[in-house]
N, C-alpha and C. Protein backbone atom coordinates (compact mmCIF):
# COMPACT_ATOMS: atom_id res chain seq x y z
N MET A 1 74.73 134.60 -58.11
CA MET A 1 74.27 134.82 -59.46
C MET A 1 73.99 133.50 -60.16
N ARG A 2 74.84 132.48 -59.93
CA ARG A 2 74.63 131.20 -60.60
C ARG A 2 73.33 130.55 -60.15
N LYS A 3 73.03 130.68 -58.85
CA LYS A 3 71.79 130.09 -58.36
C LYS A 3 70.59 130.77 -59.01
N LEU A 4 70.66 132.08 -59.12
CA LEU A 4 69.58 132.82 -59.76
C LEU A 4 69.43 132.41 -61.21
N HIS A 5 70.55 132.28 -61.90
CA HIS A 5 70.52 131.85 -63.31
C HIS A 5 69.88 130.48 -63.43
N LYS A 6 70.26 129.56 -62.55
CA LYS A 6 69.71 128.21 -62.61
C LYS A 6 68.22 128.20 -62.27
N LEU A 7 67.82 129.03 -61.31
CA LEU A 7 66.40 129.09 -60.95
C LEU A 7 65.56 129.65 -62.09
N ILE A 8 66.09 130.66 -62.74
CA ILE A 8 65.34 131.27 -63.84
C ILE A 8 65.18 130.28 -64.99
N LEU A 9 66.24 129.56 -65.31
CA LEU A 9 66.20 128.65 -66.44
C LEU A 9 65.59 127.30 -66.13
N SER A 10 65.49 126.94 -64.86
CA SER A 10 65.04 125.58 -64.55
C SER A 10 63.65 125.29 -65.08
N GLY A 11 62.77 126.26 -65.08
CA GLY A 11 61.44 126.02 -65.61
C GLY A 11 61.43 125.88 -67.12
N ALA A 12 62.32 126.59 -67.80
CA ALA A 12 62.36 126.54 -69.25
C ALA A 12 63.09 125.31 -69.78
N LEU A 13 63.89 124.68 -68.94
CA LEU A 13 64.70 123.58 -69.42
C LEU A 13 63.99 122.24 -69.35
N ILE A 14 62.84 122.18 -68.74
CA ILE A 14 62.14 120.91 -68.64
C ILE A 14 61.25 120.75 -69.86
N PRO A 15 61.47 119.72 -70.64
CA PRO A 15 60.68 119.54 -71.87
C PRO A 15 59.27 119.07 -71.55
N ARG A 16 58.38 119.99 -71.32
CA ARG A 16 57.03 119.65 -70.88
C ARG A 16 56.12 119.16 -72.01
N LYS A 17 56.39 119.56 -73.24
CA LYS A 17 55.49 119.24 -74.34
C LYS A 17 55.69 117.83 -74.87
N LYS A 18 56.83 117.23 -74.58
CA LYS A 18 57.13 115.93 -75.16
C LYS A 18 56.57 114.81 -74.30
N SER A 19 56.14 113.77 -74.96
CA SER A 19 55.76 112.58 -74.22
C SER A 19 57.03 111.84 -73.84
N GLY A 20 56.90 110.87 -72.95
CA GLY A 20 58.05 110.12 -72.49
C GLY A 20 58.79 109.41 -73.59
N HIS A 21 58.04 108.79 -74.50
CA HIS A 21 58.68 108.04 -75.58
C HIS A 21 59.42 108.96 -76.54
N SER A 22 58.85 110.12 -76.85
CA SER A 22 59.52 111.01 -77.81
C SER A 22 60.77 111.64 -77.19
N LEU A 23 60.74 111.95 -75.89
CA LEU A 23 61.92 112.50 -75.24
C LEU A 23 63.04 111.48 -75.21
N LEU A 24 62.73 110.24 -74.85
CA LEU A 24 63.74 109.18 -74.84
C LEU A 24 64.29 108.93 -76.24
N ARG A 25 63.41 108.98 -77.21
CA ARG A 25 63.85 108.77 -78.60
C ARG A 25 64.75 109.92 -79.05
N THR A 26 64.41 111.13 -78.69
CA THR A 26 65.22 112.29 -79.07
C THR A 26 66.62 112.20 -78.45
N ILE A 27 66.69 111.82 -77.18
CA ILE A 27 67.99 111.66 -76.53
C ILE A 27 68.77 110.54 -77.18
N ASP A 28 68.08 109.45 -77.51
CA ASP A 28 68.74 108.31 -78.15
C ASP A 28 69.31 108.68 -79.52
N LEU A 29 68.61 109.51 -80.26
CA LEU A 29 69.04 109.90 -81.61
C LEU A 29 69.97 111.11 -81.63
N LEU A 30 70.23 111.70 -80.46
CA LEU A 30 71.06 112.89 -80.39
C LEU A 30 72.47 112.60 -80.88
N GLN A 31 72.92 113.41 -81.81
CA GLN A 31 74.28 113.31 -82.32
C GLN A 31 75.16 114.25 -81.50
N VAL A 32 76.10 113.68 -80.78
CA VAL A 32 77.00 114.48 -79.96
C VAL A 32 78.12 115.00 -80.85
N PRO A 33 78.29 116.31 -80.92
CA PRO A 33 79.31 116.86 -81.80
C PRO A 33 80.71 116.66 -81.22
N ILE A 34 81.57 116.05 -82.00
CA ILE A 34 82.98 115.92 -81.65
C ILE A 34 83.73 116.93 -82.51
N VAL A 35 84.22 117.97 -81.87
CA VAL A 35 84.82 119.09 -82.58
C VAL A 35 86.27 119.22 -82.14
N GLN A 36 87.17 119.26 -83.12
CA GLN A 36 88.58 119.47 -82.82
C GLN A 36 88.79 120.92 -82.39
N ASN A 37 89.71 121.09 -81.46
CA ASN A 37 90.02 122.43 -80.98
C ASN A 37 90.75 123.20 -82.07
N GLN A 38 90.16 124.30 -82.49
CA GLN A 38 90.69 125.15 -83.54
C GLN A 38 91.31 126.39 -82.90
N PRO A 39 92.39 126.91 -83.48
CA PRO A 39 92.91 128.18 -82.96
C PRO A 39 91.87 129.28 -83.18
N GLN A 40 91.67 130.07 -82.18
CA GLN A 40 90.64 131.11 -82.23
C GLN A 40 91.20 132.39 -82.85
N GLU A 41 90.40 133.01 -83.70
CA GLU A 41 90.79 134.30 -84.27
C GLU A 41 90.76 135.37 -83.18
N LEU A 42 89.66 135.39 -82.46
CA LEU A 42 89.53 136.31 -81.34
C LEU A 42 89.66 135.50 -80.06
N PRO A 43 90.46 135.96 -79.13
CA PRO A 43 90.62 135.18 -77.89
C PRO A 43 89.33 135.21 -77.08
N ALA A 44 88.87 134.03 -76.70
CA ALA A 44 87.67 133.93 -75.87
C ALA A 44 88.09 134.11 -74.42
N ASN A 45 87.27 134.81 -73.67
CA ASN A 45 87.63 135.04 -72.28
C ASN A 45 87.16 133.87 -71.40
N LYS A 46 87.66 133.84 -70.18
CA LYS A 46 87.33 132.76 -69.26
C LYS A 46 85.83 132.70 -68.98
N ILE A 47 85.19 133.83 -68.98
CA ILE A 47 83.76 133.87 -68.66
C ILE A 47 82.96 133.11 -69.70
N SER A 48 83.29 133.26 -70.97
CA SER A 48 82.52 132.57 -72.00
C SER A 48 82.71 131.06 -71.92
N PHE A 49 83.94 130.60 -71.63
CA PHE A 49 84.16 129.17 -71.45
C PHE A 49 83.36 128.65 -70.26
N GLY A 50 83.48 129.36 -69.15
CA GLY A 50 82.78 128.95 -67.94
C GLY A 50 81.27 128.98 -68.11
N TYR A 51 80.78 130.01 -68.77
CA TYR A 51 79.33 130.12 -68.97
C TYR A 51 78.80 128.99 -69.84
N LEU A 52 79.46 128.73 -70.97
CA LEU A 52 78.98 127.67 -71.86
C LEU A 52 79.04 126.30 -71.17
N HIS A 53 80.12 126.04 -70.46
CA HIS A 53 80.24 124.78 -69.73
C HIS A 53 79.15 124.67 -68.68
N TYR A 54 78.93 125.75 -67.93
CA TYR A 54 77.91 125.76 -66.89
C TYR A 54 76.51 125.59 -67.48
N ASP A 55 76.26 126.26 -68.57
CA ASP A 55 74.95 126.16 -69.23
C ASP A 55 74.69 124.73 -69.70
N ASN A 56 75.69 124.11 -70.33
CA ASN A 56 75.55 122.72 -70.77
C ASN A 56 75.36 121.79 -69.58
N ARG A 57 76.13 122.00 -68.52
CA ARG A 57 76.02 121.15 -67.34
C ARG A 57 74.64 121.26 -66.70
N CYS A 58 74.12 122.48 -66.61
CA CYS A 58 72.78 122.66 -66.03
C CYS A 58 71.72 121.99 -66.89
N THR A 59 71.85 122.11 -68.19
CA THR A 59 70.89 121.45 -69.09
C THR A 59 70.93 119.94 -68.91
N LEU A 60 72.13 119.38 -68.86
CA LEU A 60 72.27 117.93 -68.67
C LEU A 60 71.74 117.49 -67.31
N ASP A 61 72.03 118.27 -66.27
CA ASP A 61 71.54 117.93 -64.93
C ASP A 61 70.02 118.01 -64.86
N ASP A 62 69.46 119.03 -65.50
CA ASP A 62 68.00 119.17 -65.49
C ASP A 62 67.32 118.03 -66.26
N LEU A 63 67.90 117.65 -67.38
CA LEU A 63 67.35 116.52 -68.14
C LEU A 63 67.44 115.22 -67.34
N SER A 64 68.57 114.99 -66.70
CA SER A 64 68.73 113.78 -65.88
C SER A 64 67.73 113.77 -64.74
N PHE A 65 67.59 114.90 -64.07
CA PHE A 65 66.63 115.00 -62.97
C PHE A 65 65.21 114.75 -63.45
N TYR A 66 64.87 115.34 -64.57
CA TYR A 66 63.52 115.16 -65.14
C TYR A 66 63.25 113.69 -65.46
N LEU A 67 64.21 113.02 -66.08
CA LEU A 67 64.03 111.60 -66.40
C LEU A 67 63.88 110.76 -65.14
N LYS A 68 64.69 111.04 -64.15
CA LYS A 68 64.62 110.26 -62.91
C LYS A 68 63.30 110.48 -62.18
N GLN A 69 62.86 111.73 -62.12
CA GLN A 69 61.61 112.03 -61.42
C GLN A 69 60.39 111.52 -62.17
N THR A 70 60.45 111.52 -63.47
CA THR A 70 59.29 111.14 -64.26
C THR A 70 59.17 109.63 -64.44
N PHE A 71 60.28 108.96 -64.67
CA PHE A 71 60.21 107.56 -65.08
C PHE A 71 60.74 106.55 -64.06
N LEU A 72 61.50 106.99 -63.10
CA LEU A 72 62.16 106.02 -62.22
C LEU A 72 61.66 106.05 -60.78
N GLN A 73 60.41 106.39 -60.59
CA GLN A 73 59.86 106.41 -59.24
C GLN A 73 59.44 105.02 -58.77
N ASP A 74 58.92 104.23 -59.66
CA ASP A 74 58.46 102.89 -59.33
C ASP A 74 59.13 101.90 -60.28
N VAL A 75 60.34 101.49 -59.95
CA VAL A 75 61.13 100.67 -60.85
C VAL A 75 61.09 99.21 -60.42
N ASN A 76 60.86 98.36 -61.41
CA ASN A 76 60.92 96.93 -61.21
C ASN A 76 62.30 96.46 -61.64
N ILE A 77 62.95 95.64 -60.83
CA ILE A 77 64.32 95.19 -61.12
C ILE A 77 64.40 94.49 -62.47
N GLN A 78 63.43 93.67 -62.81
CA GLN A 78 63.47 92.95 -64.08
C GLN A 78 63.42 93.91 -65.27
N ASP A 79 62.73 95.02 -65.11
CA ASP A 79 62.63 95.98 -66.22
C ASP A 79 63.97 96.65 -66.54
N MET A 80 64.84 96.70 -65.56
CA MET A 80 66.15 97.32 -65.79
C MET A 80 66.97 96.54 -66.82
N PHE A 81 66.71 95.24 -66.92
CA PHE A 81 67.50 94.39 -67.81
C PHE A 81 66.73 93.90 -69.03
N ASP A 82 65.47 94.29 -69.13
CA ASP A 82 64.64 93.94 -70.28
C ASP A 82 64.78 95.05 -71.33
N SER A 83 65.43 94.75 -72.43
CA SER A 83 65.73 95.78 -73.42
C SER A 83 64.49 96.36 -74.09
N SER A 84 63.34 95.76 -73.91
CA SER A 84 62.13 96.30 -74.51
C SER A 84 61.33 97.18 -73.53
N SER A 85 61.80 97.31 -72.30
CA SER A 85 61.05 98.10 -71.31
C SER A 85 61.45 99.57 -71.35
N GLN A 86 60.55 100.39 -70.86
CA GLN A 86 60.81 101.83 -70.81
C GLN A 86 61.89 102.14 -69.77
N THR A 87 61.93 101.39 -68.69
CA THR A 87 62.96 101.61 -67.67
C THR A 87 64.36 101.41 -68.25
N TYR A 88 64.52 100.40 -69.06
CA TYR A 88 65.80 100.15 -69.72
C TYR A 88 66.17 101.32 -70.62
N ARG A 89 65.21 101.83 -71.34
CA ARG A 89 65.45 102.97 -72.24
C ARG A 89 65.83 104.23 -71.46
N VAL A 90 65.21 104.40 -70.28
CA VAL A 90 65.56 105.56 -69.45
C VAL A 90 67.00 105.45 -68.96
N TYR A 91 67.39 104.27 -68.50
CA TYR A 91 68.77 104.10 -68.05
C TYR A 91 69.76 104.26 -69.20
N THR A 92 69.39 103.85 -70.38
CA THR A 92 70.24 104.06 -71.54
C THR A 92 70.39 105.55 -71.83
N SER A 93 69.30 106.29 -71.73
CA SER A 93 69.35 107.73 -71.95
C SER A 93 70.18 108.42 -70.88
N LEU A 94 70.05 107.99 -69.64
CA LEU A 94 70.85 108.57 -68.56
C LEU A 94 72.34 108.29 -68.77
N SER A 95 72.65 107.12 -69.27
CA SER A 95 74.05 106.79 -69.56
C SER A 95 74.60 107.70 -70.67
N LYS A 96 73.78 107.94 -71.67
CA LYS A 96 74.21 108.81 -72.76
C LYS A 96 74.42 110.24 -72.26
N LEU A 97 73.54 110.71 -71.38
CA LEU A 97 73.70 112.04 -70.81
C LEU A 97 74.98 112.13 -69.98
N ASP A 98 75.33 111.06 -69.27
CA ASP A 98 76.58 111.05 -68.51
C ASP A 98 77.80 111.12 -69.43
N LYS A 99 77.73 110.45 -70.56
CA LYS A 99 78.83 110.52 -71.53
C LYS A 99 78.96 111.94 -72.10
N ILE A 100 77.83 112.58 -72.32
CA ILE A 100 77.86 113.95 -72.83
C ILE A 100 78.46 114.89 -71.78
N LYS A 101 78.20 114.62 -70.50
CA LYS A 101 78.82 115.43 -69.44
C LYS A 101 80.34 115.32 -69.50
N LEU A 102 80.83 114.13 -69.75
CA LEU A 102 82.29 113.95 -69.86
C LEU A 102 82.85 114.74 -71.05
N ILE A 103 82.14 114.73 -72.15
CA ILE A 103 82.58 115.49 -73.33
C ILE A 103 82.56 116.99 -73.02
N ASN A 104 81.53 117.44 -72.31
CA ASN A 104 81.44 118.84 -71.91
C ASN A 104 82.64 119.23 -71.05
N ASN A 105 83.00 118.38 -70.09
CA ASN A 105 84.16 118.66 -69.23
C ASN A 105 85.45 118.67 -70.05
N TYR A 106 85.56 117.76 -70.99
CA TYR A 106 86.75 117.69 -71.84
C TYR A 106 86.89 118.97 -72.66
N TYR A 107 85.79 119.45 -73.22
CA TYR A 107 85.84 120.68 -74.01
C TYR A 107 86.30 121.85 -73.15
N LEU A 108 85.88 121.88 -71.88
CA LEU A 108 86.31 122.96 -70.99
C LEU A 108 87.81 122.85 -70.71
N GLU A 109 88.27 121.65 -70.43
CA GLU A 109 89.70 121.45 -70.16
C GLU A 109 90.57 121.84 -71.36
N GLU A 110 90.10 121.51 -72.54
CA GLU A 110 90.84 121.81 -73.77
C GLU A 110 90.61 123.24 -74.25
N ARG A 111 89.74 123.96 -73.58
CA ARG A 111 89.37 125.32 -73.96
C ARG A 111 88.87 125.38 -75.40
N ASN A 112 87.99 124.44 -75.70
CA ASN A 112 87.42 124.29 -77.04
C ASN A 112 86.07 125.00 -77.07
N ILE A 113 86.10 126.27 -77.41
CA ILE A 113 84.88 127.09 -77.39
C ILE A 113 83.89 126.65 -78.46
N SER A 114 84.37 126.25 -79.62
CA SER A 114 83.46 125.83 -80.68
C SER A 114 82.78 124.51 -80.30
N GLY A 115 83.49 123.63 -79.62
CA GLY A 115 82.89 122.38 -79.16
C GLY A 115 81.81 122.64 -78.12
N LEU A 116 82.08 123.56 -77.20
CA LEU A 116 81.08 123.90 -76.18
C LEU A 116 79.83 124.52 -76.82
N ARG A 117 80.04 125.36 -77.82
CA ARG A 117 78.89 125.99 -78.50
C ARG A 117 78.06 124.96 -79.26
N GLN A 118 78.72 124.08 -79.98
CA GLN A 118 77.97 123.08 -80.74
C GLN A 118 77.26 122.09 -79.82
N LEU A 119 77.88 121.78 -78.69
CA LEU A 119 77.22 120.92 -77.72
C LEU A 119 75.97 121.60 -77.15
N ARG A 120 76.07 122.89 -76.87
CA ARG A 120 74.91 123.65 -76.39
C ARG A 120 73.79 123.63 -77.43
N ASP A 121 74.15 123.82 -78.69
CA ASP A 121 73.14 123.81 -79.75
C ASP A 121 72.47 122.44 -79.86
N SER A 122 73.25 121.38 -79.72
CA SER A 122 72.68 120.03 -79.78
C SER A 122 71.74 119.78 -78.61
N LEU A 123 72.13 120.21 -77.43
CA LEU A 123 71.27 120.03 -76.26
C LEU A 123 69.98 120.84 -76.36
N ASN A 124 70.10 122.01 -76.97
CA ASN A 124 68.91 122.84 -77.14
C ASN A 124 67.89 122.20 -78.07
N THR A 125 68.31 121.33 -78.97
CA THR A 125 67.35 120.65 -79.83
C THR A 125 66.46 119.71 -79.02
N ILE A 126 66.97 119.20 -77.92
CA ILE A 126 66.15 118.34 -77.05
C ILE A 126 65.09 119.18 -76.35
N ILE A 127 65.49 120.32 -75.87
CA ILE A 127 64.60 121.12 -75.03
C ILE A 127 63.60 121.93 -75.84
N TYR A 128 64.06 122.55 -76.89
CA TYR A 128 63.21 123.49 -77.62
C TYR A 128 62.62 122.92 -78.90
N GLU A 129 62.75 121.64 -79.12
CA GLU A 129 62.20 121.03 -80.34
C GLU A 129 60.71 121.01 -80.31
């Protein structure tokens, strides 16, 4: 089922309308929500935690894959360290996505459903903007 879910969503998760500069800028300006774990009024089941974490992880993986396939096919070593180059900006965006993955994992470990939801909403602004 997870493979089917990922296959169905993989086409929708790639931001095709954005140019390279606007996608990198959007990732750079993304505000990662840091949400304290609140006691839940209604108990959330394991499926909702797992689904939100999985959905966020797939979105992050798809964005990382898209950036790597689009921008990092022909990389010059000097561009990796030149802060004005697009390659440098791509690596910066990939680093930010890796940090967001860690936050996503932390929210799952802490069973922070509101953090997972807000992270999903933030990631959706990149894709559906």
